[in-house]
Amino acid sequence: MKYIKLLKDFVNNKISSDEFESLFMEIFKKEKLFDSEREFQILDKLFGDVDAYCSDSALFDPEFDIDEAQLRLSVKQALKALEE
């Protein structure tokens, strides 16, 4: 599954958070069919977190944005859920 590879690459520091954000958004927005409703729910939640990710500390607003550590945690949780 393309999502699991992408999530693993990010978790294992093979790609940066900015690369992950760009690739995930591109893939998710083009997706027409998901393997299951469960997969969609997991990835849809992750989409919200990726969308809330802000790498620019000058623009970061803790009320609306998440930082890299929070993004990594969200990706790890999504990866675990997808692998179950």
Protein backbone atom coordinates (compact mmCIF):
# COMPACT_ATOMS: atom_id res chain seq x y z
CA MET A 1 0.00 0.00 0.00
CA LYS A 2 1.43 3.36 -1.03
CA TYR A 3 0.33 5.05 2.19
CA ILE A 4 2.12 2.58 4.45
CA LYS A 5 5.38 3.04 2.50
CA LEU A 6 5.07 6.82 2.68
CA LEU A 7 4.27 6.80 6.39
CA LYS A 8 7.15 4.42 7.10
CA ASP A 9 9.56 6.59 5.09
CA PHE A 10 8.61 9.57 7.25
CA VAL A 11 8.70 7.69 10.56
CA ASN A 12 12.12 6.25 9.64
CA ASN A 13 13.46 9.72 8.69
CA LYS A 14 13.94 8.81 5.02
CA ILE A 15 12.01 11.93 4.02
CA SER A 16 11.58 15.30 5.73
CA SER A 17 8.36 16.55 7.25
CA ASP A 18 7.95 19.04 4.40
CA GLU A 19 8.44 16.27 1.81
CA PHE A 20 5.96 14.07 3.66
CA GLU A 21 3.41 16.88 3.81
CA SER A 22 3.68 17.54 0.09
CA LEU A 23 3.60 13.88 -0.97
CA PHE A 24 0.77 12.89 1.37
CA MET A 25 -1.43 15.79 0.29
CA GLU A 26 -0.79 15.08 -3.38
CA ILE A 27 -1.62 11.37 -3.06
CA PHE A 28 -4.62 11.80 -0.75
CA LYS A 29 -6.28 14.50 -2.87
CA LYS A 30 -6.03 12.34 -6.00
CA GLU A 31 -7.30 9.16 -4.30
CA LYS A 32 -10.59 7.97 -5.72
CA LEU A 33 -11.04 4.65 -3.93
CA PHE A 34 -9.90 3.42 -0.54
CA ASP A 35 -9.56 -0.22 0.44
CA SER A 36 -12.15 0.21 3.19
CA GLU A 37 -14.12 2.75 5.18
CA ARG A 38 -11.72 2.11 8.08
CA GLU A 39 -8.70 2.99 5.90
CA PHE A 40 -10.46 6.16 4.76
CA GLN A 41 -11.24 7.20 8.36
CA ILE A 42 -7.61 6.72 9.45
CA LEU A 43 -6.20 8.61 6.48
CA ASP A 44 -8.85 11.34 6.67
CA LYS A 45 -7.87 12.07 10.28
CA LEU A 46 -4.23 12.10 9.25
CA PHE A 47 -5.10 14.47 6.40
CA GLY A 48 -6.45 16.93 8.97
CA ASP A 49 -3.25 16.70 10.99
CA VAL A 50 -1.04 17.08 7.91
CA ASP A 51 -3.12 20.10 6.90
CA ALA A 52 -2.61 21.59 10.39
CA TYR A 53 1.16 21.03 10.26
CA CYS A 54 3.19 24.24 10.21
CA SER A 55 6.96 24.14 9.76
CA ASP A 56 7.45 27.90 9.97
CA SER A 57 7.88 28.91 13.61
CA ALA A 58 7.12 32.54 12.72
CA LEU A 59 3.67 31.54 11.48
CA PHE A 60 2.98 28.80 14.06
CA ASP A 61 -0.21 29.28 16.08
CA PRO A 62 -0.59 26.59 18.79
CA GLU A 63 -4.35 27.04 18.76
CA PHE A 64 -4.62 25.87 15.13
CA ASP A 65 -1.29 24.35 14.09
CA ILE A 66 0.74 21.29 14.99
CA ASP A 67 4.53 21.04 14.99
CA GLU A 68 6.78 18.30 13.61
CA ALA A 69 6.74 16.27 16.84
CA GLN A 70 2.93 16.23 16.86
CA LEU A 71 2.87 15.33 13.16
CA ARG A 72 5.28 12.44 13.76
CA LEU A 73 3.08 11.14 16.58
CA SER A 74 -0.01 11.34 14.37
CA VAL A 75 1.77 9.51 11.54
CA LYS A 76 2.97 6.77 13.92
CA GLN A 77 -0.58 6.30 15.22
CA ALA A 78 -2.01 6.16 11.69
CA LEU A 79 0.67 3.70 10.59
CA LYS A 80 -0.04 1.43 13.54
CA ALA A 81 -3.78 1.55 12.84
CA LEU A 82 -3.29 0.79 9.12
CA GLU A 83 -1.03 -2.16 9.88
CA GLU A 84 -3.53 -3.75 12.29
